[in-house]
Amino acid sequence: MPELIRGNASRIDELEPLWLSLRAHHGSVTPEWGPLHPAGESWAVRSETYRELMADGGAMFLAVDGAAVIGYAICEEETWRSPTWQWPANFLSIVDLIVLPAHRGEGIGVALLTAVEDEARSRGLDAVDMNAAAPNQEARLFYEKHGYRLDLVTYRKPLD
């Protein structure tokens, strides 16, 4: 099992190959969503988001095999109070959880998910949440297997 460590903003550039792997996966499971942004543009946007998250108190966990990062989770603390339900208002939101395809099934995703859940508990938060593309059945099954349940559903209608 690779070593699981807490990362910081100085490690963001190491995440590019993993992000590009996820970008390709997203494209393969959602072809009906249209063309992907070019790889360089996609990474520029995502890495800037990561830098902002880390500057605002986000957390990053890295699965490291030797010198190589083979998986990571990055998350941010959020507050959202429902006017209807008394459900968790303070939570840690997983922005991305990525394991390189060659290392899936080795328990790395579970270790990263556990690190995020432990982080949420240490911050005194009520829940952990994340978004998964509806067609990404593999990701949805992974989260459901580990106790996550479908919550809110987003509907979208592209306009001409």
C-alpha atoms as a PDB file:
ATOM      1  CA  MET A   1       0.000   0.000   0.000  1.00  0.00           C
ATOM      2  CA  PRO A   2       1.365   3.440  -0.865  1.00  0.00           C
ATOM      3  CA  GLU A   3       1.988   6.012   1.829  1.00  0.00           C
ATOM      4  CA  LEU A   4      -0.879   8.423   2.528  1.00  0.00           C
ATOM      5  CA  ILE A   5       0.275  11.942   3.425  1.00  0.00           C
ATOM      6  CA  ARG A   6      -1.218  15.388   3.851  1.00  0.00           C
ATOM      7  CA  GLY A   7      -0.304  17.640   0.959  1.00  0.00           C
ATOM      8  CA  ASN A   8      -0.111  21.400   0.618  1.00  0.00           C
ATOM      9  CA  ALA A   9      -0.188  23.935  -2.193  1.00  0.00           C
ATOM     10  CA  SER A  10       3.476  23.265  -3.025  1.00  0.00           C
ATOM     11  CA  ARG A  11       2.426  19.812  -4.344  1.00  0.00           C
ATOM     12  CA  ILE A  12      -0.324  20.967  -6.712  1.00  0.00           C
ATOM     13  CA  ASP A  13       1.807  20.799  -9.869  1.00  0.00           C
ATOM     14  CA  GLU A  14       2.419  17.085  -9.217  1.00  0.00           C
ATOM     15  CA  LEU A  15      -1.318  16.441  -9.619  1.00  0.00           C
ATOM     16  CA  GLU A  16      -1.539  17.379 -13.300  1.00  0.00           C
ATOM     17  CA  PRO A  17      -1.166  13.845 -14.746  1.00  0.00           C
ATOM     18  CA  LEU A  18      -3.836  12.541 -12.382  1.00  0.00           C
ATOM     19  CA  TRP A  19      -6.217  15.389 -13.231  1.00  0.00           C
ATOM     20  CA  LEU A  20      -5.695  14.779 -16.950  1.00  0.00           C
ATOM     21  CA  SER A  21      -6.459  11.097 -16.382  1.00  0.00           C
ATOM     22  CA  LEU A  22      -9.719  12.057 -14.662  1.00  0.00           C
ATOM     23  CA  ARG A  23     -10.498  14.555 -17.434  1.00  0.00           C
ATOM     24  CA  ALA A  24     -10.138  11.750 -20.010  1.00  0.00           C
ATOM     25  CA  HIS A  25     -12.321   9.472 -17.891  1.00  0.00           C
ATOM     26  CA  HIS A  26     -14.962  12.193 -17.627  1.00  0.00           C
ATOM     27  CA  GLY A  27     -14.954  12.506 -21.401  1.00  0.00           C
ATOM     28  CA  SER A  28     -15.343   8.736 -21.826  1.00  0.00           C
ATOM     29  CA  VAL A  29     -18.388   8.480 -19.527  1.00  0.00           C
ATOM     30  CA  THR A  30     -20.116  11.682 -20.664  1.00  0.00           C
ATOM     31  CA  PRO A  31     -19.676  11.948 -24.446  1.00  0.00           C
ATOM     32  CA  GLU A  32     -23.147  13.479 -24.731  1.00  0.00           C
ATOM     33  CA  TRP A  33     -21.924  16.471 -22.707  1.00  0.00           C
ATOM     34  CA  GLY A  34     -19.841  17.634 -25.641  1.00  0.00           C
ATOM     35  CA  PRO A  35     -16.156  18.250 -26.258  1.00  0.00           C
ATOM     36  CA  LEU A  36     -13.681  18.625 -23.418  1.00  0.00           C
ATOM     37  CA  HIS A  37     -11.585  21.703 -22.846  1.00  0.00           C
ATOM     38  CA  PRO A  38      -8.037  21.246 -24.173  1.00  0.00           C
ATOM     39  CA  ALA A  39      -5.823  19.501 -21.625  1.00  0.00           C
ATOM     40  CA  GLY A  40      -3.640  22.536 -20.860  1.00  0.00           C
ATOM     41  CA  GLU A  41      -6.630  24.813 -20.397  1.00  0.00           C
ATOM     42  CA  SER A  42      -8.397  22.233 -18.233  1.00  0.00           C
ATOM     43  CA  TRP A  43      -5.387  21.871 -15.955  1.00  0.00           C
ATOM     44  CA  ALA A  44      -4.863  25.639 -15.718  1.00  0.00           C
ATOM     45  CA  VAL A  45      -8.432  26.103 -14.495  1.00  0.00           C
ATOM     46  CA  ARG A  46      -8.329  23.137 -12.098  1.00  0.00           C
ATOM     47  CA  SER A  47      -4.924  23.946 -10.622  1.00  0.00           C
ATOM     48  CA  GLU A  48      -6.024  27.542  -9.984  1.00  0.00           C
ATOM     49  CA  THR A  49      -9.106  26.204  -8.191  1.00  0.00           C
ATOM     50  CA  TYR A  50      -6.860  23.970  -6.080  1.00  0.00           C
ATOM     51  CA  ARG A  51      -4.612  26.901  -5.163  1.00  0.00           C
ATOM     52  CA  GLU A  52      -7.638  28.936  -4.080  1.00  0.00           C
ATOM     53  CA  LEU A  53      -9.021  26.038  -2.044  1.00  0.00           C
ATOM     54  CA  MET A  54      -5.745  25.488  -0.253  1.00  0.00           C
ATOM     55  CA  ALA A  55      -5.414  29.218   0.492  1.00  0.00           C
ATOM     56  CA  ASP A  56      -8.923  29.114   2.010  1.00  0.00           C
ATOM     57  CA  GLY A  57      -8.206  26.224   4.383  1.00  0.00           C
ATOM     58  CA  GLY A  58      -8.858  23.269   2.108  1.00  0.00           C
ATOM     59  CA  ALA A  59      -7.291  19.896   2.729  1.00  0.00           C
ATOM     60  CA  MET A  60      -5.274  17.692   0.382  1.00  0.00           C
ATOM     61  CA  PHE A  61      -4.354  14.055   0.863  1.00  0.00           C
ATOM     62  CA  LEU A  62      -1.853  12.283  -1.388  1.00  0.00           C
ATOM     63  CA  ALA A  63      -1.278   8.584  -2.012  1.00  0.00           C
ATOM     64  CA  VAL A  64       2.441   8.370  -2.769  1.00  0.00           C
ATOM     65  CA  ASP A  65       4.309   5.370  -4.169  1.00  0.00           C
ATOM     66  CA  GLY A  66       8.004   6.209  -3.928  1.00  0.00           C
ATOM     67  CA  ALA A  67       8.228   9.686  -5.448  1.00  0.00           C
ATOM     68  CA  ALA A  68       5.071   9.346  -7.556  1.00  0.00           C
ATOM     69  CA  VAL A  69       1.639  10.615  -6.561  1.00  0.00           C
ATOM     70  CA  ILE A  70      -0.810   7.906  -7.649  1.00  0.00           C
ATOM     71  CA  GLY A  71      -3.958   9.231  -6.004  1.00  0.00           C
ATOM     72  CA  TYR A  72      -5.273  12.277  -4.228  1.00  0.00           C
ATOM     73  CA  ALA A  73      -8.279  13.832  -2.582  1.00  0.00           C
ATOM     74  CA  ILE A  74      -8.783  17.552  -2.234  1.00  0.00           C
ATOM     75  CA  CYS A  75     -11.652  19.042  -0.296  1.00  0.00           C
ATOM     76  CA  GLU A  76     -13.061  22.248   1.083  1.00  0.00           C
ATOM     77  CA  GLU A  77     -15.184  23.158   4.068  1.00  0.00           C
ATOM     78  CA  GLU A  78     -18.653  24.405   3.226  1.00  0.00           C
ATOM     79  CA  THR A  79     -21.737  25.623   5.033  1.00  0.00           C
ATOM     80  CA  TRP A  80     -25.187  25.400   3.556  1.00  0.00           C
ATOM     81  CA  ARG A  81     -28.285  25.717   5.666  1.00  0.00           C
ATOM     82  CA  SER A  82     -31.447  24.307   4.171  1.00  0.00           C
ATOM     83  CA  PRO A  83     -34.564  26.350   4.791  1.00  0.00           C
ATOM     84  CA  THR A  84     -36.531  23.078   4.763  1.00  0.00           C
ATOM     85  CA  TRP A  85     -34.546  20.301   6.451  1.00  0.00           C
ATOM     86  CA  GLN A  86     -32.485  20.071   9.607  1.00  0.00           C
ATOM     87  CA  TRP A  87     -29.703  18.225   7.876  1.00  0.00           C
ATOM     88  CA  PRO A  88     -25.982  18.752   8.141  1.00  0.00           C
ATOM     89  CA  ALA A  89     -25.192  22.376   7.496  1.00  0.00           C
ATOM     90  CA  ASN A  90     -21.423  22.138   7.933  1.00  0.00           C
ATOM     91  CA  PHE A  91     -19.576  19.669   5.782  1.00  0.00           C
ATOM     92  CA  LEU A  92     -16.367  18.847   4.006  1.00  0.00           C
ATOM     93  CA  SER A  93     -16.941  18.703   0.268  1.00  0.00           C
ATOM     94  CA  ILE A  94     -14.715  16.448  -1.812  1.00  0.00           C
ATOM     95  CA  VAL A  95     -13.780  18.505  -4.840  1.00  0.00           C
ATOM     96  CA  ASP A  96     -11.822  15.665  -6.463  1.00  0.00           C
ATOM     97  CA  LEU A  97     -10.834  12.159  -5.475  1.00  0.00           C
ATOM     98  CA  ILE A  98      -8.621  10.524  -8.083  1.00  0.00           C
ATOM     99  CA  VAL A  99      -6.700   7.268  -8.246  1.00  0.00           C
ATOM    100  CA  LEU A 100      -4.737   6.440 -11.373  1.00  0.00           C
ATOM    101  CA  PRO A 101      -6.454   3.610 -13.288  1.00  0.00           C
ATOM    102  CA  ALA A 102      -3.487   1.239 -12.878  1.00  0.00           C
ATOM    103  CA  HIS A 103      -3.856   1.485  -9.087  1.00  0.00           C
ATOM    104  CA  ARG A 104      -7.626   1.182  -8.691  1.00  0.00           C
ATOM    105  CA  GLY A 105      -8.820  -1.743  -6.619  1.00  0.00           C
ATOM    106  CA  GLU A 106      -5.814  -1.546  -4.267  1.00  0.00           C
ATOM    107  CA  GLY A 107      -7.652   0.246  -1.435  1.00  0.00           C
ATOM    108  CA  ILE A 108      -6.206   3.672  -2.238  1.00  0.00           C
ATOM    109  CA  GLY A 109      -9.581   5.275  -2.874  1.00  0.00           C
ATOM    110  CA  VAL A 110     -10.887   3.902   0.413  1.00  0.00           C
ATOM    111  CA  ALA A 111      -7.822   5.229   2.255  1.00  0.00           C
ATOM    112  CA  LEU A 112      -8.300   8.681   0.709  1.00  0.00           C
ATOM    113  CA  LEU A 113     -12.010   8.651   1.541  1.00  0.00           C
ATOM    114  CA  THR A 114     -11.222   7.670   5.131  1.00  0.00           C
ATOM    115  CA  ALA A 115      -8.668  10.502   5.399  1.00  0.00           C
ATOM    116  CA  VAL A 116     -11.299  12.997   4.236  1.00  0.00           C
ATOM    117  CA  GLU A 117     -13.865  11.638   6.717  1.00  0.00           C
ATOM    118  CA  ASP A 118     -11.308  11.809   9.545  1.00  0.00           C
ATOM    119  CA  GLU A 119     -10.510  15.398   8.540  1.00  0.00           C
ATOM    120  CA  ALA A 120     -14.214  16.305   8.689  1.00  0.00           C
ATOM    121  CA  ARG A 121     -14.504  14.759  12.167  1.00  0.00           C
ATOM    122  CA  SER A 122     -11.383  16.599  13.360  1.00  0.00           C
ATOM    123  CA  ARG A 123     -12.933  19.877  12.199  1.00  0.00           C
ATOM    124  CA  GLY A 124     -16.183  19.085  14.039  1.00  0.00           C
ATOM    125  CA  LEU A 125     -18.181  18.948  10.816  1.00  0.00           C
ATOM    126  CA  ASP A 126     -21.444  17.081  10.335  1.00  0.00           C
ATOM    127  CA  ALA A 127     -20.950  15.362   6.976  1.00  0.00           C
ATOM    128  CA  VAL A 128     -18.861  14.764   3.872  1.00  0.00           C
ATOM    129  CA  ASP A 129     -20.291  15.274   0.417  1.00  0.00           C
ATOM    130  CA  MET A 130     -19.214  15.242  -3.213  1.00  0.00           C
ATOM    131  CA  ASN A 131     -20.573  15.423  -6.718  1.00  0.00           C
ATOM    132  CA  ALA A 132     -20.311  12.663  -9.288  1.00  0.00           C
ATOM    133  CA  ALA A 133     -21.415  12.872 -12.899  1.00  0.00           C
ATOM    134  CA  ALA A 134     -24.666  10.924 -13.229  1.00  0.00           C
ATOM    135  CA  PRO A 135     -23.259   8.705 -16.027  1.00  0.00           C
ATOM    136  CA  ASN A 136     -20.141   7.896 -13.951  1.00  0.00           C
ATOM    137  CA  GLN A 137     -21.550   4.635 -12.630  1.00  0.00           C
ATOM    138  CA  GLU A 138     -18.159   3.393 -11.392  1.00  0.00           C
ATOM    139  CA  ALA A 139     -17.693   6.409  -9.109  1.00  0.00           C
ATOM    140  CA  ARG A 140     -21.288   6.342  -7.898  1.00  0.00           C
ATOM    141  CA  LEU A 141     -21.047   2.649  -6.982  1.00  0.00           C
ATOM    142  CA  PHE A 142     -17.755   3.266  -5.147  1.00  0.00           C
ATOM    143  CA  TYR A 143     -19.272   6.006  -2.977  1.00  0.00           C
ATOM    144  CA  GLU A 144     -22.481   4.082  -2.325  1.00  0.00           C
ATOM    145  CA  LYS A 145     -20.461   1.017  -1.299  1.00  0.00           C
ATOM    146  CA  HIS A 146     -18.811   3.185   1.362  1.00  0.00           C
ATOM    147  CA  GLY A 147     -22.006   4.538   2.892  1.00  0.00           C
ATOM    148  CA  TYR A 148     -22.716   7.590   0.755  1.00  0.00           C
ATOM    149  CA  ARG A 149     -26.255   8.068  -0.464  1.00  0.00           C
ATOM    150  CA  LEU A 150     -27.820   9.994  -3.260  1.00  0.00           C
ATOM    151  CA  ASP A 151     -28.863  13.394  -1.945  1.00  0.00           C
ATOM    152  CA  LEU A 152     -29.746  16.317  -4.201  1.00  0.00           C
ATOM    153  CA  VAL A 153     -30.122  15.823  -7.954  1.00  0.00           C
ATOM    154  CA  THR A 154     -29.232  18.489 -10.495  1.00  0.00           C
ATOM    155  CA  TYR A 155     -31.180  18.728 -13.721  1.00  0.00           C
ATOM    156  CA  ARG A 156     -29.796  20.712 -16.620  1.00  0.00           C
ATOM    157  CA  LYS A 157     -31.243  21.699 -19.968  1.00  0.00           C
ATOM    158  CA  PRO A 158     -28.727  23.019 -22.494  1.00  0.00           C
ATOM    159  CA  LEU A 159     -30.164  25.963 -24.388  1.00  0.00           C
ATOM    160  CA  ASP A 160     -29.634  26.476 -28.111  1.00  0.00           C
END
